[in-house]
Amino acid sequence: AGRVRAVHAHNEQESSEQVVREVKAG
């Protein structure tokens, strides 16, 4: 609940930026 989101071949490039921000935030 509230934790699952789609990251697939078609949006992986833009999703990478969001993942980097989240990992930086701990």
mmCIF file of all heavy atoms, coordinates in Angstrom:
data_MODEL
# 
_entry.id   MODEL 
# 
loop_
_atom_site.group_PDB 
_atom_site.id 
_atom_site.type_symbol 
_atom_site.label_atom_id 
_atom_site.label_alt_id 
_atom_site.label_comp_id 
_atom_site.label_asym_id 
_atom_site.label_entity_id 
_atom_site.label_seq_id 
_atom_site.pdbx_PDB_ins_code 
_atom_site.Cartn_x 
_atom_site.Cartn_y 
_atom_site.Cartn_z 
_atom_site.occupancy 
_atom_site.B_iso_or_equiv 
_atom_site.pdbx_formal_charge 
_atom_site.auth_seq_id 
_atom_site.auth_comp_id 
_atom_site.auth_asym_id 
_atom_site.auth_atom_id 
_atom_site.pdbx_PDB_model_num 
ATOM 1   N N   . ALA A 1 1  ? 0.826  -1.212 0.000   1.00 0.00 ? 1  ALA A N   1 
ATOM 2   C CA  . ALA A 1 1  ? 0.000  0.000  0.000   1.00 0.00 ? 1  ALA A CA  1 
ATOM 3   C C   . ALA A 1 1  ? 0.858  1.260  0.000   1.00 0.00 ? 1  ALA A C   1 
ATOM 4   O O   . ALA A 1 1  ? 1.676  1.477  0.902   1.00 0.00 ? 1  ALA A O   1 
ATOM 5   C CB  . ALA A 1 1  ? -0.920 -0.012 1.213   1.00 0.00 ? 1  ALA A CB  1 
ATOM 6   N N   . GLY A 1 2  ? 0.664  2.091  -1.027  1.00 0.00 ? 2  GLY A N   1 
ATOM 7   C CA  . GLY A 1 2  ? 1.346  3.371  -1.096  1.00 0.00 ? 2  GLY A CA  1 
ATOM 8   C C   . GLY A 1 2  ? 2.818  3.293  -1.450  1.00 0.00 ? 2  GLY A C   1 
ATOM 9   O O   . GLY A 1 2  ? 3.494  4.329  -1.480  1.00 0.00 ? 2  GLY A O   1 
ATOM 10  N N   . ARG A 1 3  ? 3.330  2.100  -1.720  1.00 0.00 ? 3  ARG A N   1 
ATOM 11  C CA  . ARG A 1 3  ? 4.774  1.974  -1.976  1.00 0.00 ? 3  ARG A CA  1 
ATOM 12  C C   . ARG A 1 3  ? 5.101  1.512  -3.390  1.00 0.00 ? 3  ARG A C   1 
ATOM 13  O O   . ARG A 1 3  ? 6.246  1.613  -3.820  1.00 0.00 ? 3  ARG A O   1 
ATOM 14  C CB  . ARG A 1 3  ? 5.399  0.982  -0.987  1.00 0.00 ? 3  ARG A CB  1 
ATOM 15  C CG  . ARG A 1 3  ? 5.301  1.375  0.470   1.00 0.00 ? 3  ARG A CG  1 
ATOM 16  C CD  . ARG A 1 3  ? 6.151  0.444  1.327   1.00 0.00 ? 3  ARG A CD  1 
ATOM 17  N NE  . ARG A 1 3  ? 5.656  -0.944 1.261   1.00 0.00 ? 3  ARG A NE  1 
ATOM 18  C CZ  . ARG A 1 3  ? 6.443  -2.022 1.351   1.00 0.00 ? 3  ARG A CZ  1 
ATOM 19  N NH1 . ARG A 1 3  ? 7.758  -1.881 1.453   1.00 0.00 ? 3  ARG A NH1 1 
ATOM 20  N NH2 . ARG A 1 3  ? 5.919  -3.235 1.309   1.00 0.00 ? 3  ARG A NH2 1 
ATOM 21  N N   . VAL A 1 4  ? 4.145  0.968  -4.119  1.00 0.00 ? 4  VAL A N   1 
ATOM 22  C CA  . VAL A 1 4  ? 4.419  0.346  -5.411  1.00 0.00 ? 4  VAL A CA  1 
ATOM 23  C C   . VAL A 1 4  ? 4.153  1.334  -6.548  1.00 0.00 ? 4  VAL A C   1 
ATOM 24  O O   . VAL A 1 4  ? 3.105  1.977  -6.586  1.00 0.00 ? 4  VAL A O   1 
ATOM 25  C CB  . VAL A 1 4  ? 3.559  -0.914 -5.613  1.00 0.00 ? 4  VAL A CB  1 
ATOM 26  C CG1 . VAL A 1 4  ? 3.853  -1.552 -6.969  1.00 0.00 ? 4  VAL A CG1 1 
ATOM 27  C CG2 . VAL A 1 4  ? 3.802  -1.915 -4.482  1.00 0.00 ? 4  VAL A CG2 1 
ATOM 28  N N   . ARG A 1 5  ? 5.124  1.442  -7.464  1.00 0.00 ? 5  ARG A N   1 
ATOM 29  C CA  . ARG A 1 5  ? 4.909  2.267  -8.654  1.00 0.00 ? 5  ARG A CA  1 
ATOM 30  C C   . ARG A 1 5  ? 5.613  1.624  -9.844  1.00 0.00 ? 5  ARG A C   1 
ATOM 31  O O   . ARG A 1 5  ? 6.517  0.800  -9.684  1.00 0.00 ? 5  ARG A O   1 
ATOM 32  C CB  . ARG A 1 5  ? 5.403  3.684  -8.431  1.00 0.00 ? 5  ARG A CB  1 
ATOM 33  C CG  . ARG A 1 5  ? 6.897  3.862  -8.385  1.00 0.00 ? 5  ARG A CG  1 
ATOM 34  C CD  . ARG A 1 5  ? 7.258  5.327  -8.618  1.00 0.00 ? 5  ARG A CD  1 
ATOM 35  N NE  . ARG A 1 5  ? 8.675  5.539  -8.628  1.00 0.00 ? 5  ARG A NE  1 
ATOM 36  C CZ  . ARG A 1 5  ? 9.388  5.910  -7.572  1.00 0.00 ? 5  ARG A CZ  1 
ATOM 37  N NH1 . ARG A 1 5  ? 8.791  6.102  -6.407  1.00 0.00 ? 5  ARG A NH1 1 
ATOM 38  N NH2 . ARG A 1 5  ? 10.692 6.091  -7.670  1.00 0.00 ? 5  ARG A NH2 1 
ATOM 39  N N   . ALA A 1 6  ? 5.176  1.987  -11.025 1.00 0.00 ? 6  ALA A N   1 
ATOM 40  C CA  . ALA A 1 6  ? 5.671  1.372  -12.252 1.00 0.00 ? 6  ALA A CA  1 
ATOM 41  C C   . ALA A 1 6  ? 6.962  2.033  -12.742 1.00 0.00 ? 6  ALA A C   1 
ATOM 42  O O   . ALA A 1 6  ? 7.035  3.250  -12.866 1.00 0.00 ? 6  ALA A O   1 
ATOM 43  C CB  . ALA A 1 6  ? 4.613  1.453  -13.345 1.00 0.00 ? 6  ALA A CB  1 
ATOM 44  N N   . VAL A 1 7  ? 7.974  1.200  -12.989 1.00 0.00 ? 7  VAL A N   1 
ATOM 45  C CA  . VAL A 1 7  ? 9.203  1.633  -13.647 1.00 0.00 ? 7  VAL A CA  1 
ATOM 46  C C   . VAL A 1 7  ? 9.528  0.557  -14.685 1.00 0.00 ? 7  VAL A C   1 
ATOM 47  O O   . VAL A 1 7  ? 9.945  -0.540 -14.335 1.00 0.00 ? 7  VAL A O   1 
ATOM 48  C CB  . VAL A 1 7  ? 10.375 1.791  -12.666 1.00 0.00 ? 7  VAL A CB  1 
ATOM 49  C CG1 . VAL A 1 7  ? 11.647 2.152  -13.420 1.00 0.00 ? 7  VAL A CG1 1 
ATOM 50  C CG2 . VAL A 1 7  ? 10.063 2.849  -11.619 1.00 0.00 ? 7  VAL A CG2 1 
ATOM 51  N N   . HIS A 1 8  ? 9.290  0.876  -15.938 1.00 0.00 ? 8  HIS A N   1 
ATOM 52  C CA  . HIS A 1 8  ? 9.458  -0.120 -16.999 1.00 0.00 ? 8  HIS A CA  1 
ATOM 53  C C   . HIS A 1 8  ? 10.332 0.450  -18.108 1.00 0.00 ? 8  HIS A C   1 
ATOM 54  O O   . HIS A 1 8  ? 10.887 1.562  -17.976 1.00 0.00 ? 8  HIS A O   1 
ATOM 55  C CB  . HIS A 1 8  ? 8.099  -0.554 -17.545 1.00 0.00 ? 8  HIS A CB  1 
ATOM 56  C CG  . HIS A 1 8  ? 7.150  0.573  -17.764 1.00 0.00 ? 8  HIS A CG  1 
ATOM 57  N ND1 . HIS A 1 8  ? 7.310  1.514  -18.769 1.00 0.00 ? 8  HIS A ND1 1 
ATOM 58  C CD2 . HIS A 1 8  ? 6.027  0.947  -17.069 1.00 0.00 ? 8  HIS A CD2 1 
ATOM 59  C CE1 . HIS A 1 8  ? 6.338  2.398  -18.710 1.00 0.00 ? 8  HIS A CE1 1 
ATOM 60  N NE2 . HIS A 1 8  ? 5.540  2.092  -17.690 1.00 0.00 ? 8  HIS A NE2 1 
ATOM 61  N N   . ALA A 1 9  ? 10.463 -0.303 -19.196 1.00 0.00 ? 9  ALA A N   1 
ATOM 62  C CA  . ALA A 1 9  ? 11.379 0.094  -20.271 1.00 0.00 ? 9  ALA A CA  1 
ATOM 63  C C   . ALA A 1 9  ? 11.036 1.447  -20.866 1.00 0.00 ? 9  ALA A C   1 
ATOM 64  O O   . ALA A 1 9  ? 11.920 2.177  -21.331 1.00 0.00 ? 9  ALA A O   1 
ATOM 65  C CB  . ALA A 1 9  ? 11.380 -0.979 -21.361 1.00 0.00 ? 9  ALA A CB  1 
ATOM 66  N N   . HIS A 1 10 ? 9.761  1.828  -20.842 1.00 0.00 ? 10 HIS A N   1 
ATOM 67  C CA  . HIS A 1 10 ? 9.343  3.061  -21.497 1.00 0.00 ? 10 HIS A CA  1 
ATOM 68  C C   . HIS A 1 10 ? 9.515  4.315  -20.622 1.00 0.00 ? 10 HIS A C   1 
ATOM 69  O O   . HIS A 1 10 ? 9.495  5.431  -21.143 1.00 0.00 ? 10 HIS A O   1 
ATOM 70  C CB  . HIS A 1 10 ? 7.883  2.948  -21.939 1.00 0.00 ? 10 HIS A CB  1 
ATOM 71  C CG  . HIS A 1 10 ? 7.639  1.802  -22.882 1.00 0.00 ? 10 HIS A CG  1 
ATOM 72  N ND1 . HIS A 1 10 ? 8.193  1.745  -24.142 1.00 0.00 ? 10 HIS A ND1 1 
ATOM 73  C CD2 . HIS A 1 10 ? 6.937  0.654  -22.723 1.00 0.00 ? 10 HIS A CD2 1 
ATOM 74  C CE1 . HIS A 1 10 ? 7.819  0.614  -24.735 1.00 0.00 ? 10 HIS A CE1 1 
ATOM 75  N NE2 . HIS A 1 10 ? 7.065  -0.057 -23.895 1.00 0.00 ? 10 HIS A NE2 1 
ATOM 76  N N   . ASN A 1 11 ? 9.662  4.122  -19.315 1.00 0.00 ? 11 ASN A N   1 
ATOM 77  C CA  . ASN A 1 11 ? 9.815  5.304  -18.461 1.00 0.00 ? 11 ASN A CA  1 
ATOM 78  C C   . ASN A 1 11 ? 11.044 5.220  -17.559 1.00 0.00 ? 11 ASN A C   1 
ATOM 79  O O   . ASN A 1 11 ? 11.196 6.012  -16.633 1.00 0.00 ? 11 ASN A O   1 
ATOM 80  C CB  . ASN A 1 11 ? 8.557  5.527  -17.613 1.00 0.00 ? 11 ASN A CB  1 
ATOM 81  C CG  . ASN A 1 11 ? 8.399  4.488  -16.503 1.00 0.00 ? 11 ASN A CG  1 
ATOM 82  O OD1 . ASN A 1 11 ? 9.134  3.500  -16.443 1.00 0.00 ? 11 ASN A OD1 1 
ATOM 83  N ND2 . ASN A 1 11 ? 7.435  4.706  -15.620 1.00 0.00 ? 11 ASN A ND2 1 
ATOM 84  N N   . GLU A 1 12 ? 11.921 4.254  -17.837 1.00 0.00 ? 12 GLU A N   1 
ATOM 85  C CA  . GLU A 1 12 ? 13.069 4.045  -16.952 1.00 0.00 ? 12 GLU A CA  1 
ATOM 86  C C   . GLU A 1 12 ? 13.997 5.246  -16.918 1.00 0.00 ? 12 GLU A C   1 
ATOM 87  O O   . GLU A 1 12 ? 14.533 5.596  -15.854 1.00 0.00 ? 12 GLU A O   1 
ATOM 88  C CB  . GLU A 1 12 ? 13.849 2.792  -17.381 1.00 0.00 ? 12 GLU A CB  1 
ATOM 89  C CG  . GLU A 1 12 ? 14.971 2.436  -16.412 1.00 0.00 ? 12 GLU A CG  1 
ATOM 90  C CD  . GLU A 1 12 ? 15.734 1.181  -16.818 1.00 0.00 ? 12 GLU A CD  1 
ATOM 91  O OE1 . GLU A 1 12 ? 15.401 0.591  -17.872 1.00 0.00 ? 12 GLU A OE1 1 
ATOM 92  O OE2 . GLU A 1 12 ? 16.676 0.817  -16.098 1.00 0.00 ? 12 GLU A OE2 1 
ATOM 93  N N   . GLN A 1 13 ? 14.189 5.892  -18.061 1.00 0.00 ? 13 GLN A N   1 
ATOM 94  C CA  . GLN A 1 13 ? 15.109 7.024  -18.101 1.00 0.00 ? 13 GLN A CA  1 
ATOM 95  C C   . GLN A 1 13 ? 14.653 8.144  -17.169 1.00 0.00 ? 13 GLN A C   1 
ATOM 96  O O   . GLN A 1 13 ? 15.418 8.630  -16.335 1.00 0.00 ? 13 GLN A O   1 
ATOM 97  C CB  . GLN A 1 13 ? 15.222 7.547  -19.538 1.00 0.00 ? 13 GLN A CB  1 
ATOM 98  C CG  . GLN A 1 13 ? 16.264 8.631  -19.725 1.00 0.00 ? 13 GLN A CG  1 
ATOM 99  C CD  . GLN A 1 13 ? 17.678 8.106  -19.531 1.00 0.00 ? 13 GLN A CD  1 
ATOM 100 O OE1 . GLN A 1 13 ? 18.071 7.107  -20.121 1.00 0.00 ? 13 GLN A OE1 1 
ATOM 101 N NE2 . GLN A 1 13 ? 18.444 8.762  -18.674 1.00 0.00 ? 13 GLN A NE2 1 
ATOM 102 N N   . GLU A 1 14 ? 13.399 8.551  -17.303 1.00 0.00 ? 14 GLU A N   1 
ATOM 103 C CA  . GLU A 1 14 ? 12.914 9.634  -16.436 1.00 0.00 ? 14 GLU A CA  1 
ATOM 104 C C   . GLU A 1 14 ? 12.728 9.185  -14.989 1.00 0.00 ? 14 GLU A C   1 
ATOM 105 O O   . GLU A 1 14 ? 12.899 9.974  -14.053 1.00 0.00 ? 14 GLU A O   1 
ATOM 106 C CB  . GLU A 1 14 ? 11.611 10.232 -16.981 1.00 0.00 ? 14 GLU A CB  1 
ATOM 107 C CG  . GLU A 1 14 ? 10.533 9.226  -17.305 1.00 0.00 ? 14 GLU A CG  1 
ATOM 108 C CD  . GLU A 1 14 ? 10.559 8.776  -18.757 1.00 0.00 ? 14 GLU A CD  1 
ATOM 109 O OE1 . GLU A 1 14 ? 11.659 8.646  -19.321 1.00 0.00 ? 14 GLU A OE1 1 
ATOM 110 O OE2 . GLU A 1 14 ? 9.476  8.547  -19.330 1.00 0.00 ? 14 GLU A OE2 1 
ATOM 111 N N   . SER A 1 15 ? 12.381 7.914  -14.799 1.00 0.00 ? 15 SER A N   1 
ATOM 112 C CA  . SER A 1 15 ? 12.219 7.398  -13.437 1.00 0.00 ? 15 SER A CA  1 
ATOM 113 C C   . SER A 1 15 ? 13.545 7.371  -12.691 1.00 0.00 ? 15 SER A C   1 
ATOM 114 O O   . SER A 1 15 ? 13.569 7.465  -11.457 1.00 0.00 ? 15 SER A O   1 
ATOM 115 C CB  . SER A 1 15 ? 11.625 5.987  -13.478 1.00 0.00 ? 15 SER A CB  1 
ATOM 116 O OG  . SER A 1 15 ? 10.310 6.001  -13.989 1.00 0.00 ? 15 SER A OG  1 
ATOM 117 N N   . SER A 1 16 ? 14.648 7.248  -13.436 1.00 0.00 ? 16 SER A N   1 
ATOM 118 C CA  . SER A 1 16 ? 15.964 7.197  -12.791 1.00 0.00 ? 16 SER A CA  1 
ATOM 119 C C   . SER A 1 16 ? 16.231 8.448  -11.977 1.00 0.00 ? 16 SER A C   1 
ATOM 120 O O   . SER A 1 16 ? 16.803 8.383  -10.875 1.00 0.00 ? 16 SER A O   1 
ATOM 121 C CB  . SER A 1 16 ? 17.058 7.010  -13.845 1.00 0.00 ? 16 SER A CB  1 
ATOM 122 O OG  . SER A 1 16 ? 16.908 5.790  -14.530 1.00 0.00 ? 16 SER A OG  1 
ATOM 123 N N   . GLU A 1 17 ? 15.819 9.589  -12.497 1.00 0.00 ? 17 GLU A N   1 
ATOM 124 C CA  . GLU A 1 17 ? 16.051 10.842 -11.777 1.00 0.00 ? 17 GLU A CA  1 
ATOM 125 C C   . GLU A 1 17 ? 15.292 10.851 -10.458 1.00 0.00 ? 17 GLU A C   1 
ATOM 126 O O   . GLU A 1 17 ? 15.812 11.311 -9.431  1.00 0.00 ? 17 GLU A O   1 
ATOM 127 C CB  . GLU A 1 17 ? 15.619 12.015 -12.653 1.00 0.00 ? 17 GLU A CB  1 
ATOM 128 C CG  . GLU A 1 17 ? 16.394 12.136 -13.958 1.00 0.00 ? 17 GLU A CG  1 
ATOM 129 C CD  . GLU A 1 17 ? 15.883 13.258 -14.831 1.00 0.00 ? 17 GLU A CD  1 
ATOM 130 O OE1 . GLU A 1 17 ? 14.979 14.003 -14.367 1.00 0.00 ? 17 GLU A OE1 1 
ATOM 131 O OE2 . GLU A 1 17 ? 16.383 13.408 -15.960 1.00 0.00 ? 17 GLU A OE2 1 
ATOM 132 N N   . GLN A 1 18 ? 14.062 10.335 -10.473 1.00 0.00 ? 18 GLN A N   1 
ATOM 133 C CA  . GLN A 1 18 ? 13.274 10.289 -9.243  1.00 0.00 ? 18 GLN A CA  1 
ATOM 134 C C   . GLN A 1 18 ? 13.892 9.325  -8.240  1.00 0.00 ? 18 GLN A C   1 
ATOM 135 O O   . GLN A 1 18 ? 13.953 9.617  -7.041  1.00 0.00 ? 18 GLN A O   1 
ATOM 136 C CB  . GLN A 1 18 ? 11.844 9.864  -9.559  1.00 0.00 ? 18 GLN A CB  1 
ATOM 137 C CG  . GLN A 1 18 ? 10.919 9.890  -8.340  1.00 0.00 ? 18 GLN A CG  1 
ATOM 138 C CD  . GLN A 1 18 ? 9.485  9.550  -8.698  1.00 0.00 ? 18 GLN A CD  1 
ATOM 139 O OE1 . GLN A 1 18 ? 9.159  9.335  -9.867  1.00 0.00 ? 18 GLN A OE1 1 
ATOM 140 N NE2 . GLN A 1 18 ? 8.627  9.512  -7.699  1.00 0.00 ? 18 GLN A NE2 1 
ATOM 141 N N   . VAL A 1 19 ? 14.367 8.170  -8.727  1.00 0.00 ? 19 VAL A N   1 
ATOM 142 C CA  . VAL A 1 19 ? 14.995 7.202  -7.830  1.00 0.00 ? 19 VAL A CA  1 
ATOM 143 C C   . VAL A 1 19 ? 16.241 7.803  -7.181  1.00 0.00 ? 19 VAL A C   1 
ATOM 144 O O   . VAL A 1 19 ? 16.466 7.640  -5.971  1.00 0.00 ? 19 VAL A O   1 
ATOM 145 C CB  . VAL A 1 19 ? 15.354 5.918  -8.602  1.00 0.00 ? 19 VAL A CB  1 
ATOM 146 C CG1 . VAL A 1 19 ? 16.270 5.014  -7.762  1.00 0.00 ? 19 VAL A CG1 1 
ATOM 147 C CG2 . VAL A 1 19 ? 14.084 5.152  -8.980  1.00 0.00 ? 19 VAL A CG2 1 
ATOM 148 N N   . VAL A 1 20 ? 17.036 8.521  -7.964  1.00 0.00 ? 20 VAL A N   1 
ATOM 149 C CA  . VAL A 1 20 ? 18.234 9.150  -7.400  1.00 0.00 ? 20 VAL A CA  1 
ATOM 150 C C   . VAL A 1 20 ? 17.859 10.129 -6.300  1.00 0.00 ? 20 VAL A C   1 
ATOM 151 O O   . VAL A 1 20 ? 18.486 10.156 -5.224  1.00 0.00 ? 20 VAL A O   1 
ATOM 152 C CB  . VAL A 1 20 ? 19.025 9.868  -8.516  1.00 0.00 ? 20 VAL A CB  1 
ATOM 153 C CG1 . VAL A 1 20 ? 20.066 10.819 -7.918  1.00 0.00 ? 20 VAL A CG1 1 
ATOM 154 C CG2 . VAL A 1 20 ? 19.708 8.846  -9.421  1.00 0.00 ? 20 VAL A CG2 1 
ATOM 155 N N   . ARG A 1 21 ? 16.820 10.930 -6.509  1.00 0.00 ? 21 ARG A N   1 
ATOM 156 C CA  . ARG A 1 21 ? 16.394 11.882 -5.477  1.00 0.00 ? 21 ARG A CA  1 
ATOM 157 C C   . ARG A 1 21 ? 15.952 11.154 -4.205  1.00 0.00 ? 21 ARG A C   1 
ATOM 158 O O   . ARG A 1 21 ? 16.274 11.581 -3.091  1.00 0.00 ? 21 ARG A O   1 
ATOM 159 C CB  . ARG A 1 21 ? 15.248 12.748 -6.000  1.00 0.00 ? 21 ARG A CB  1 
ATOM 160 C CG  . ARG A 1 21 ? 15.664 13.767 -7.063  1.00 0.00 ? 21 ARG A CG  1 
ATOM 161 C CD  . ARG A 1 21 ? 14.582 14.805 -7.275  1.00 0.00 ? 21 ARG A CD  1 
ATOM 162 N NE  . ARG A 1 21 ? 13.344 14.202 -7.784  1.00 0.00 ? 21 ARG A NE  1 
ATOM 163 C CZ  . ARG A 1 21 ? 13.054 14.044 -9.064  1.00 0.00 ? 21 ARG A CZ  1 
ATOM 164 N NH1 . ARG A 1 21 ? 13.929 14.441 -9.988  1.00 0.00 ? 21 ARG A NH1 1 
ATOM 165 N NH2 . ARG A 1 21 ? 11.919 13.506 -9.450  1.00 0.00 ? 21 ARG A NH2 1 
ATOM 166 N N   . GLU A 1 22 ? 15.230 10.057 -4.379  1.00 0.00 ? 22 GLU A N   1 
ATOM 167 C CA  . GLU A 1 22 ? 14.726 9.325  -3.209  1.00 0.00 ? 22 GLU A CA  1 
ATOM 168 C C   . GLU A 1 22 ? 15.862 8.658  -2.439  1.00 0.00 ? 22 GLU A C   1 
ATOM 169 O O   . GLU A 1 22 ? 15.873 8.672  -1.199  1.00 0.00 ? 22 GLU A O   1 
ATOM 170 C CB  . GLU A 1 22 ? 13.697 8.290  -3.667  1.00 0.00 ? 22 GLU A CB  1 
ATOM 171 C CG  . GLU A 1 22 ? 12.396 8.932  -4.137  1.00 0.00 ? 22 GLU A CG  1 
ATOM 172 C CD  . GLU A 1 22 ? 11.473 7.960  -4.845  1.00 0.00 ? 22 GLU A CD  1 
ATOM 173 O OE1 . GLU A 1 22 ? 11.986 7.003  -5.464  1.00 0.00 ? 22 GLU A OE1 1 
ATOM 174 O OE2 . GLU A 1 22 ? 10.252 8.163  -4.789  1.00 0.00 ? 22 GLU A OE2 1 
ATOM 175 N N   . VAL A 1 23 ? 16.816 8.072  -3.158  1.00 0.00 ? 23 VAL A N   1 
ATOM 176 C CA  . VAL A 1 23 ? 17.945 7.438  -2.474  1.00 0.00 ? 23 VAL A CA  1 
ATOM 177 C C   . VAL A 1 23 ? 18.777 8.490  -1.742  1.00 0.00 ? 23 VAL A C   1 
ATOM 178 O O   . VAL A 1 23 ? 19.230 8.269  -0.612  1.00 0.00 ? 23 VAL A O   1 
ATOM 179 C CB  . VAL A 1 23 ? 18.804 6.634  -3.475  1.00 0.00 ? 23 VAL A CB  1 
ATOM 180 C CG1 . VAL A 1 23 ? 20.065 6.100  -2.792  1.00 0.00 ? 23 VAL A CG1 1 
ATOM 181 C CG2 . VAL A 1 23 ? 17.997 5.467  -4.062  1.00 0.00 ? 23 VAL A CG2 1 
ATOM 182 N N   . LYS A 1 24 ? 18.963 9.634  -2.383  1.00 0.00 ? 24 LYS A N   1 
ATOM 183 C CA  . LYS A 1 24 ? 19.693 10.722 -1.711  1.00 0.00 ? 24 LYS A CA  1 
ATOM 184 C C   . LYS A 1 24 ? 18.987 11.150 -0.430  1.00 0.00 ? 24 LYS A C   1 
ATOM 185 O O   . LYS A 1 24 ? 19.632 11.566 0.545   1.00 0.00 ? 24 LYS A O   1 
ATOM 186 C CB  . LYS A 1 24 ? 19.826 11.923 -2.648  1.00 0.00 ? 24 LYS A CB  1 
ATOM 187 C CG  . LYS A 1 24 ? 20.910 11.780 -3.700  1.00 0.00 ? 24 LYS A CG  1 
ATOM 188 C CD  . LYS A 1 24 ? 21.023 13.054 -4.527  1.00 0.00 ? 24 LYS A CD  1 
ATOM 189 C CE  . LYS A 1 24 ? 22.164 12.961 -5.529  1.00 0.00 ? 24 LYS A CE  1 
ATOM 190 N NZ  . LYS A 1 24 ? 22.275 14.199 -6.348  1.00 0.00 ? 24 LYS A NZ  1 
ATOM 191 N N   . ALA A 1 25 ? 17.657 11.055 -0.417  1.00 0.00 ? 25 ALA A N   1 
ATOM 192 C CA  . ALA A 1 25 ? 16.882 11.452 0.755   1.00 0.00 ? 25 ALA A CA  1 
ATOM 193 C C   . ALA A 1 25 ? 16.859 10.366 1.831   1.00 0.00 ? 25 ALA A C   1 
ATOM 194 O O   . ALA A 1 25 ? 16.211 10.533 2.859   1.00 0.00 ? 25 ALA A O   1 
ATOM 195 C CB  . ALA A 1 25 ? 15.454 11.789 0.340   1.00 0.00 ? 25 ALA A CB  1 
ATOM 196 N N   . GLY A 1 26 ? 17.568 9.257  1.589   1.00 0.00 ? 26 GLY A N   1 
ATOM 197 C CA  . GLY A 1 26 ? 17.654 8.207  2.598   1.00 0.00 ? 26 GLY A CA  1 
ATOM 198 C C   . GLY A 1 26 ? 16.669 7.081  2.411   1.00 0.00 ? 26 GLY A C   1 
ATOM 199 O O   . GLY A 1 26 ? 16.536 6.217  3.283   1.00 0.00 ? 26 GLY A O   1 
# 
